[in-house]
Amino acid sequence: MHTALQLAILMLVALAFNIPMGYLRETCRKFSPGWWFYVHISIPIIIYLRIKVGLGVQFIPFTLASAVCGQVIGGRIYKKRNSIG
């Protein structure tokens, strides 16, 4: 499989996994243990998948950006559903 396709799939997985984590993160008080858990739980999974697929460290910014986007999207969904902000 081509590197670009592998990266695109990994970015989509990171985004999709972090949407529910961002949603759940919004239910916790900021900087509480639950908040830290929901922010960081996807990182080891993404690292494992990146290594398993064979992508190097130069692709970390792309997967990290996808994870952050998923967190933001999940948080916005929570706020919209609960009419916050």
PDB file of N, CA and C in Angstrom:
ATOM      1  N   MET A   1       0.851  -1.170   0.000  1.00  0.00           N
ATOM      2  CA  MET A   1       0.000   0.000   0.000  1.00  0.00           C
ATOM      3  C   MET A   1       0.904   1.243   0.000  1.00  0.00           C
ATOM      4  N   HIS A   2       0.503   2.260  -0.706  1.00  0.00           N
ATOM      5  CA  HIS A   2       1.299   3.479  -0.792  1.00  0.00           C
ATOM      6  C   HIS A   2       1.285   4.243   0.525  1.00  0.00           C
ATOM      7  N   THR A   3       2.364   4.946   0.774  1.00  0.00           N
ATOM      8  CA  THR A   3       2.519   5.692   2.021  1.00  0.00           C
ATOM      9  C   THR A   3       1.415   6.728   2.201  1.00  0.00           C
ATOM     10  N   ALA A   4       1.048   7.406   1.118  1.00  0.00           N
ATOM     11  CA  ALA A   4       0.004   8.436   1.214  1.00  0.00           C
ATOM     12  C   ALA A   4      -1.328   7.824   1.633  1.00  0.00           C
ATOM     13  N   LEU A   5      -1.652   6.660   1.103  1.00  0.00           N
ATOM     14  CA  LEU A   5      -2.899   5.994   1.463  1.00  0.00           C
ATOM     15  C   LEU A   5      -2.852   5.513   2.911  1.00  0.00           C
ATOM     16  N   GLN A   6      -1.720   4.964   3.324  1.00  0.00           N
ATOM     17  CA  GLN A   6      -1.569   4.527   4.711  1.00  0.00           C
ATOM     18  C   GLN A   6      -1.726   5.705   5.670  1.00  0.00           C
ATOM     19  N   LEU A   7      -1.110   6.819   5.315  1.00  0.00           N
ATOM     20  CA  LEU A   7      -1.209   8.014   6.154  1.00  0.00           C
ATOM     21  C   LEU A   7      -2.646   8.519   6.209  1.00  0.00           C
ATOM     22  N   ALA A   8      -3.323   8.545   5.075  1.00  0.00           N
ATOM     23  CA  ALA A   8      -4.714   9.015   5.036  1.00  0.00           C
ATOM     24  C   ALA A   8      -5.611   8.135   5.903  1.00  0.00           C
ATOM     25  N   ILE A   9      -5.420   6.829   5.824  1.00  0.00           N
ATOM     26  CA  ILE A   9      -6.229   5.910   6.630  1.00  0.00           C
ATOM     27  C   ILE A   9      -5.939   6.113   8.117  1.00  0.00           C
ATOM     28  N   LEU A  10      -4.663   6.241   8.470  1.00  0.00           N
ATOM     29  CA  LEU A  10      -4.301   6.456   9.871  1.00  0.00           C
ATOM     30  C   LEU A  10      -4.853   7.779  10.391  1.00  0.00           C
ATOM     31  N   MET A  11      -4.825   8.811   9.562  1.00  0.00           N
ATOM     32  CA  MET A  11      -5.383  10.103   9.966  1.00  0.00           C
ATOM     33  C   MET A  11      -6.890  10.005  10.179  1.00  0.00           C
ATOM     34  N   LEU A  12      -7.582   9.271   9.322  1.00  0.00           N
ATOM     35  CA  LEU A  12      -9.026   9.089   9.489  1.00  0.00           C
ATOM     36  C   LEU A  12      -9.339   8.298  10.756  1.00  0.00           C
ATOM     37  N   VAL A  13      -8.532   7.287  11.038  1.00  0.00           N
ATOM     38  CA  VAL A  13      -8.724   6.508  12.265  1.00  0.00           C
ATOM     39  C   VAL A  13      -8.508   7.397  13.490  1.00  0.00           C
ATOM     40  N   ALA A  14      -7.455   8.214  13.467  1.00  0.00           N
ATOM     41  CA  ALA A  14      -7.178   9.123  14.583  1.00  0.00           C
ATOM     42  C   ALA A  14      -8.323  10.114  14.771  1.00  0.00           C
ATOM     43  N   LEU A  15      -8.819  10.652  13.673  1.00  0.00           N
ATOM     44  CA  LEU A  15      -9.932  11.593  13.735  1.00  0.00           C
ATOM     45  C   LEU A  15     -11.179  10.911  14.291  1.00  0.00           C
ATOM     46  N   ALA A  16     -11.517   9.751  13.737  1.00  0.00           N
ATOM     47  CA  ALA A  16     -12.733   9.043  14.148  1.00  0.00           C
ATOM     48  C   ALA A  16     -12.663   8.597  15.608  1.00  0.00           C
ATOM     49  N   PHE A  17     -11.503   8.153  16.057  1.00  0.00           N
ATOM     50  CA  PHE A  17     -11.372   7.704  17.442  1.00  0.00           C
ATOM     51  C   PHE A  17     -11.483   8.869  18.419  1.00  0.00           C
ATOM     52  N   ASN A  18     -11.035  10.036  18.027  1.00  0.00           N
ATOM     53  CA  ASN A  18     -11.008  11.180  18.936  1.00  0.00           C
ATOM     54  C   ASN A  18     -12.312  11.958  18.986  1.00  0.00           C
ATOM     55  N   ILE A  19     -13.221  11.761  18.055  1.00  0.00           N
ATOM     56  CA  ILE A  19     -14.508  12.462  18.127  1.00  0.00           C
ATOM     57  C   ILE A  19     -15.273  12.058  19.391  1.00  0.00           C
ATOM     58  N   PRO A  20     -15.453  10.754  19.670  1.00  0.00           N
ATOM     59  CA  PRO A  20     -16.136  10.422  20.928  1.00  0.00           C
ATOM     60  C   PRO A  20     -15.326  10.800  22.171  1.00  0.00           C
ATOM     61  N   MET A  21     -13.991  10.762  22.064  1.00  0.00           N
ATOM     62  CA  MET A  21     -13.165  11.170  23.206  1.00  0.00           C
ATOM     63  C   MET A  21     -13.331  12.664  23.494  1.00  0.00           C
ATOM     64  N   GLY A  22     -13.429  13.473  22.443  1.00  0.00           N
ATOM     65  CA  GLY A  22     -13.671  14.902  22.624  1.00  0.00           C
ATOM     66  C   GLY A  22     -15.045  15.171  23.207  1.00  0.00           C
ATOM     67  N   TYR A  23     -16.022  14.374  22.785  1.00  0.00           N
ATOM     68  CA  TYR A  23     -17.380  14.499  23.320  1.00  0.00           C
ATOM     69  C   TYR A  23     -17.372  14.201  24.822  1.00  0.00           C
ATOM     70  N   LEU A  24     -16.731  13.097  25.194  1.00  0.00           N
ATOM     71  CA  LEU A  24     -16.677  12.713  26.602  1.00  0.00           C
ATOM     72  C   LEU A  24     -15.811  13.666  27.423  1.00  0.00           C
ATOM     73  N   ARG A  25     -14.781  14.222  26.812  1.00  0.00           N
ATOM     74  CA  ARG A  25     -13.905  15.181  27.492  1.00  0.00           C
ATOM     75  C   ARG A  25     -14.696  16.387  27.975  1.00  0.00           C
ATOM     76  N   GLU A  26     -15.682  16.796  27.198  1.00  0.00           N
ATOM     77  CA  GLU A  26     -16.485  17.967  27.565  1.00  0.00           C
ATOM     78  C   GLU A  26     -17.358  17.715  28.790  1.00  0.00           C
ATOM     79  N   THR A  27     -17.550  16.455  29.165  1.00  0.00           N
ATOM     80  CA  THR A  27     -18.356  16.154  30.354  1.00  0.00           C
ATOM     81  C   THR A  27     -17.547  16.300  31.638  1.00  0.00           C
ATOM     82  N   CYS A  28     -16.233  16.441  31.507  1.00  0.00           N
ATOM     83  CA  CYS A  28     -15.339  16.515  32.672  1.00  0.00           C
ATOM     84  C   CYS A  28     -14.898  17.948  32.935  1.00  0.00           C
ATOM     85  N   ARG A  29     -14.591  18.216  34.197  1.00  0.00           N
ATOM     86  CA  ARG A  29     -14.020  19.509  34.551  1.00  0.00           C
ATOM     87  C   ARG A  29     -12.632  19.619  33.928  1.00  0.00           C
ATOM     88  N   LYS A  30     -12.286  20.789  33.442  1.00  0.00           N
ATOM     89  CA  LYS A  30     -11.012  20.988  32.760  1.00  0.00           C
ATOM     90  C   LYS A  30      -9.842  20.652  33.688  1.00  0.00           C
ATOM     91  N   PHE A  31      -8.885  19.916  33.163  1.00  0.00           N
ATOM     92  CA  PHE A  31      -7.664  19.475  33.840  1.00  0.00           C
ATOM     93  C   PHE A  31      -7.918  18.475  34.962  1.00  0.00           C
ATOM     94  N   SER A  32      -9.103  17.893  35.027  1.00  0.00           N
ATOM     95  CA  SER A  32      -9.364  16.828  35.992  1.00  0.00           C
ATOM     96  C   SER A  32      -8.760  15.527  35.438  1.00  0.00           C
ATOM     97  N   PRO A  33      -8.655  14.480  36.274  1.00  0.00           N
ATOM     98  CA  PRO A  33      -8.105  13.218  35.763  1.00  0.00           C
ATOM     99  C   PRO A  33      -8.882  12.657  34.566  1.00  0.00           C
ATOM    100  N   GLY A  34     -10.197  12.784  34.580  1.00  0.00           N
ATOM    101  CA  GLY A  34     -10.997  12.318  33.448  1.00  0.00           C
ATOM    102  C   GLY A  34     -10.710  13.096  32.178  1.00  0.00           C
ATOM    103  N   TRP A  35     -10.550  14.393  32.330  1.00  0.00           N
ATOM    104  CA  TRP A  35     -10.233  15.250  31.187  1.00  0.00           C
ATOM    105  C   TRP A  35      -8.906  14.822  30.576  1.00  0.00           C
ATOM    106  N   TRP A  36      -7.878  14.629  31.419  1.00  0.00           N
ATOM    107  CA  TRP A  36      -6.560  14.190  30.934  1.00  0.00           C
ATOM    108  C   TRP A  36      -6.659  12.829  30.261  1.00  0.00           C
ATOM    109  N   PHE A  37      -7.462  11.935  30.832  1.00  0.00           N
ATOM    110  CA  PHE A  37      -7.629  10.606  30.253  1.00  0.00           C
ATOM    111  C   PHE A  37      -8.191  10.694  28.839  1.00  0.00           C
ATOM    112  N   TYR A  38      -9.278  11.423  28.660  1.00  0.00           N
ATOM    113  CA  TYR A  38      -9.912  11.513  27.344  1.00  0.00           C
ATOM    114  C   TYR A  38      -9.041  12.232  26.316  1.00  0.00           C
ATOM    115  N   VAL A  39      -8.217  13.162  26.771  1.00  0.00           N
ATOM    116  CA  VAL A  39      -7.321  13.857  25.846  1.00  0.00           C
ATOM    117  C   VAL A  39      -6.195  12.933  25.389  1.00  0.00           C
ATOM    118  N   HIS A  40      -5.654  12.113  26.281  1.00  0.00           N
ATOM    119  CA  HIS A  40      -4.433  11.370  25.987  1.00  0.00           C
ATOM    120  C   HIS A  40      -4.620   9.890  25.670  1.00  0.00           C
ATOM    121  N   ILE A  41      -5.788   9.311  25.861  1.00  0.00           N
ATOM    122  CA  ILE A  41      -5.952   7.867  25.680  1.00  0.00           C
ATOM    123  C   ILE A  41      -5.691   7.419  24.242  1.00  0.00           C
ATOM    124  N   SER A  42      -5.937   8.265  23.287  1.00  0.00           N
ATOM    125  CA  SER A  42      -5.758   7.844  21.896  1.00  0.00           C
ATOM    126  C   SER A  42      -4.300   7.846  21.451  1.00  0.00           C
ATOM    127  N   ILE A  43      -3.435   8.559  22.147  1.00  0.00           N
ATOM    128  CA  ILE A  43      -2.047   8.711  21.701  1.00  0.00           C
ATOM    129  C   ILE A  43      -1.312   7.366  21.620  1.00  0.00           C
ATOM    130  N   PRO A  44      -1.344   6.502  22.656  1.00  0.00           N
ATOM    131  CA  PRO A  44      -0.652   5.213  22.518  1.00  0.00           C
ATOM    132  C   PRO A  44      -1.223   4.348  21.389  1.00  0.00           C
ATOM    133  N   ILE A  45      -2.522   4.438  21.180  1.00  0.00           N
ATOM    134  CA  ILE A  45      -3.153   3.660  20.111  1.00  0.00           C
ATOM    135  C   ILE A  45      -2.675   4.151  18.752  1.00  0.00           C
ATOM    136  N   ILE A  46      -2.627   5.456  18.580  1.00  0.00           N
ATOM    137  CA  ILE A  46      -2.168   6.027  17.310  1.00  0.00           C
ATOM    138  C   ILE A  46      -0.693   5.701  17.078  1.00  0.00           C
ATOM    139  N   ILE A  47       0.117   5.777  18.125  1.00  0.00           N
ATOM    140  CA  ILE A  47       1.538   5.433  17.994  1.00  0.00           C
ATOM    141  C   ILE A  47       1.692   3.972  17.590  1.00  0.00           C
ATOM    142  N   TYR A  48       0.945   3.082  18.244  1.00  0.00           N
ATOM    143  CA  TYR A  48       1.006   1.662  17.902  1.00  0.00           C
ATOM    144  C   TYR A  48       0.638   1.438  16.440  1.00  0.00           C
ATOM    145  N   LEU A  49      -0.457   2.047  16.000  1.00  0.00           N
ATOM    146  CA  LEU A  49      -0.890   1.868  14.613  1.00  0.00           C
ATOM    147  C   LEU A  49       0.124   2.448  13.627  1.00  0.00           C
ATOM    148  N   ARG A  50       0.706   3.586  13.962  1.00  0.00           N
ATOM    149  CA  ARG A  50       1.708   4.196  13.077  1.00  0.00           C
ATOM    150  C   ARG A  50       2.922   3.286  12.926  1.00  0.00           C
ATOM    151  N   ILE A  51       3.380   2.710  14.019  1.00  0.00           N
ATOM    152  CA  ILE A  51       4.523   1.800  13.968  1.00  0.00           C
ATOM    153  C   ILE A  51       4.156   0.520  13.227  1.00  0.00           C
ATOM    154  N   LYS A  52       2.967  -0.013  13.495  1.00  0.00           N
ATOM    155  CA  LYS A  52       2.515  -1.254  12.849  1.00  0.00           C
ATOM    156  C   LYS A  52       2.423  -1.087  11.335  1.00  0.00           C
ATOM    157  N   VAL A  53       1.952   0.076  10.895  1.00  0.00           N
ATOM    158  CA  VAL A  53       1.825   0.351   9.462  1.00  0.00           C
ATOM    159  C   VAL A  53       3.195   0.613   8.843  1.00  0.00           C
ATOM    160  N   GLY A  54       4.150   1.055   9.649  1.00  0.00           N
ATOM    161  CA  GLY A  54       5.494   1.300   9.154  1.00  0.00           C
ATOM    162  C   GLY A  54       5.772   2.741   8.771  1.00  0.00           C
ATOM    163  N   LEU A  55       4.986   3.663   9.315  1.00  0.00           N
ATOM    164  CA  LEU A  55       5.212   5.080   9.043  1.00  0.00           C
ATOM    165  C   LEU A  55       6.215   5.635  10.047  1.00  0.00           C
ATOM    166  N   GLY A  56       7.109   6.477   9.590  1.00  0.00           N
ATOM    167  CA  GLY A  56       8.160   7.035  10.432  1.00  0.00           C
ATOM    168  C   GLY A  56       7.686   8.190  11.291  1.00  0.00           C
ATOM    169  N   VAL A  57       8.638   8.720  12.046  1.00  0.00           N
ATOM    170  CA  VAL A  57       8.327   9.810  12.969  1.00  0.00           C
ATOM    171  C   VAL A  57       7.955  11.100  12.245  1.00  0.00           C
ATOM    172  N   GLN A  58       8.320  11.227  10.989  1.00  0.00           N
ATOM    173  CA  GLN A  58       7.991  12.448  10.246  1.00  0.00           C
ATOM    174  C   GLN A  58       6.481  12.598  10.027  1.00  0.00           C
ATOM    175  N   PHE A  59       5.713  11.544  10.285  1.00  0.00           N
ATOM    176  CA  PHE A  59       4.266  11.598  10.097  1.00  0.00           C
ATOM    177  C   PHE A  59       3.511  11.896  11.393  1.00  0.00           C
ATOM    178  N   ILE A  60       4.221  12.032  12.504  1.00  0.00           N
ATOM    179  CA  ILE A  60       3.580  12.322  13.790  1.00  0.00           C
ATOM    180  C   ILE A  60       2.757  13.611  13.752  1.00  0.00           C
ATOM    181  N   PRO A  61       3.250  14.709  13.167  1.00  0.00           N
ATOM    182  CA  PRO A  61       2.432  15.934  13.154  1.00  0.00           C
ATOM    183  C   PRO A  61       1.078  15.755  12.461  1.00  0.00           C
ATOM    184  N   PHE A  62       1.033  14.939  11.425  1.00  0.00           N
ATOM    185  CA  PHE A  62      -0.228  14.722  10.712  1.00  0.00           C
ATOM    186  C   PHE A  62      -1.222  13.944  11.566  1.00  0.00           C
ATOM    187  N   THR A  63      -0.752  12.888  12.228  1.00  0.00           N
ATOM    188  CA  THR A  63      -1.661  12.104  13.060  1.00  0.00           C
ATOM    189  C   THR A  63      -2.069  12.888  14.305  1.00  0.00           C
ATOM    190  N   LEU A  64      -1.152  13.676  14.843  1.00  0.00           N
ATOM    191  CA  LEU A  64      -1.482  14.505  16.002  1.00  0.00           C
ATOM    192  C   LEU A  64      -2.512  15.570  15.641  1.00  0.00           C
ATOM    193  N   ALA A  65      -2.350  16.183  14.487  1.00  0.00           N
ATOM    194  CA  ALA A  65      -3.322  17.187  14.031  1.00  0.00           C
ATOM    195  C   ALA A  65      -4.700  16.560  13.834  1.00  0.00           C
ATOM    196  N   SER A  66      -4.744  15.350  13.301  1.00  0.00           N
ATOM    197  CA  SER A  66      -6.025  14.662  13.125  1.00  0.00           C
ATOM    198  C   SER A  66      -6.670  14.359  14.466  1.00  0.00           C
ATOM    199  N   ALA A  67      -5.864  13.957  15.443  1.00  0.00           N
ATOM    200  CA  ALA A  67      -6.393  13.672  16.775  1.00  0.00           C
ATOM    201  C   ALA A  67      -6.962  14.937  17.414  1.00  0.00           C
ATOM    202  N   VAL A  68      -6.255  16.046  17.277  1.00  0.00           N
ATOM    203  CA  VAL A  68      -6.733  17.317  17.834  1.00  0.00           C
ATOM    204  C   VAL A  68      -8.028  17.740  17.150  1.00  0.00           C
ATOM    205  N   CYS A  69      -8.097  17.590  15.836  1.00  0.00           N
ATOM    206  CA  CYS A  69      -9.333  17.927  15.109  1.00  0.00           C
ATOM    207  C   CYS A  69     -10.498  17.079  15.600  1.00  0.00           C
ATOM    208  N   GLY A  70     -10.258  15.796  15.843  1.00  0.00           N
ATOM    209  CA  GLY A  70     -11.305  14.929  16.375  1.00  0.00           C
ATOM    210  C   GLY A  70     -11.771  15.383  17.743  1.00  0.00           C
ATOM    211  N   GLN A  71     -10.836  15.790  18.595  1.00  0.00           N
ATOM    212  CA  GLN A  71     -11.189  16.298  19.921  1.00  0.00           C
ATOM    213  C   GLN A  71     -12.050  17.554  19.808  1.00  0.00           C
ATOM    214  N   VAL A  72     -11.662  18.455  18.924  1.00  0.00           N
ATOM    215  CA  VAL A  72     -12.405  19.711  18.744  1.00  0.00           C
ATOM    216  C   VAL A  72     -13.803  19.428  18.200  1.00  0.00           C
ATOM    217  N   ILE A  73     -13.897  18.560  17.209  1.00  0.00           N
ATOM    218  CA  ILE A  73     -15.202  18.219  16.628  1.00  0.00           C
ATOM    219  C   ILE A  73     -16.102  17.591  17.688  1.00  0.00           C
ATOM    220  N   GLY A  74     -15.566  16.647  18.461  1.00  0.00           N
ATOM    221  CA  GLY A  74     -16.351  16.010  19.518  1.00  0.00           C
ATOM    222  C   GLY A  74     -16.826  17.001  20.562  1.00  0.00           C
ATOM    223  N   GLY A  75     -15.957  17.932  20.944  1.00  0.00           N
ATOM    224  CA  GLY A  75     -16.340  18.965  21.909  1.00  0.00           C
ATOM    225  C   GLY A  75     -17.433  19.864  21.376  1.00  0.00           C
ATOM    226  N   ARG A  76     -17.336  20.218  20.106  1.00  0.00           N
ATOM    227  CA  ARG A  76     -18.367  21.077  19.504  1.00  0.00           C
ATOM    228  C   ARG A  76     -19.701  20.352  19.394  1.00  0.00           C
ATOM    229  N   ILE A  77     -19.665  19.068  19.091  1.00  0.00           N
ATOM    230  CA  ILE A  77     -20.910  18.289  19.036  1.00  0.00           C
ATOM    231  C   ILE A  77     -21.572  18.286  20.411  1.00  0.00           C
ATOM    232  N   TYR A  78     -20.772  18.067  21.458  1.00  0.00           N
ATOM    233  CA  TYR A  78     -21.319  18.069  22.813  1.00  0.00           C
ATOM    234  C   TYR A  78     -21.954  19.413  23.142  1.00  0.00           C
ATOM    235  N   LYS A  79     -21.236  20.480  22.856  1.00  0.00           N
ATOM    236  CA  LYS A  79     -21.750  21.816  23.159  1.00  0.00           C
ATOM    237  C   LYS A  79     -23.012  22.125  22.368  1.00  0.00           C
ATOM    238  N   LYS A  80     -23.059  21.697  21.118  1.00  0.00           N
ATOM    239  CA  LYS A  80     -24.239  21.958  20.294  1.00  0.00           C
ATOM    240  C   LYS A  80     -25.441  21.156  20.791  1.00  0.00           C
ATOM    241  N   ARG A  81     -25.228  19.897  21.141  1.00  0.00           N
ATOM    242  CA  ARG A  81     -26.329  19.065  21.631  1.00  0.00           C
ATOM    243  C   ARG A  81     -26.867  19.544  22.971  1.00  0.00           C
ATOM    244  N   ASN A  82     -26.000  20.124  23.767  1.00  0.00           N
ATOM    245  CA  ASN A  82     -26.400  20.575  25.095  1.00  0.00           C
ATOM    246  C   ASN A  82     -26.570  22.084  25.174  1.00  0.00           C
ATOM    247  N   SER A  83     -26.561  22.749  24.041  1.00  0.00           N
ATOM    248  CA  SER A  83     -26.755  24.204  23.934  1.00  0.00           C
ATOM    249  C   SER A  83     -25.823  24.989  24.850  1.00  0.00           C
ATOM    250  N   ILE A  84     -24.559  24.605  24.840  1.00  0.00           N
ATOM    251  CA  ILE A  84     -23.537  25.313  25.612  1.00  0.00           C
ATOM    252  C   ILE A  84     -22.678  26.074  24.619  1.00  0.00           C
ATOM    253  N   GLY A  85     -22.572  27.370  24.785  1.00  0.00           N
ATOM    254  CA  GLY A  85     -21.724  28.186  23.909  1.00  0.00           C
ATOM    255  C   GLY A  85     -22.304  28.321  22.578  1.00  0.00           C
TER     256      GLY A  85
END
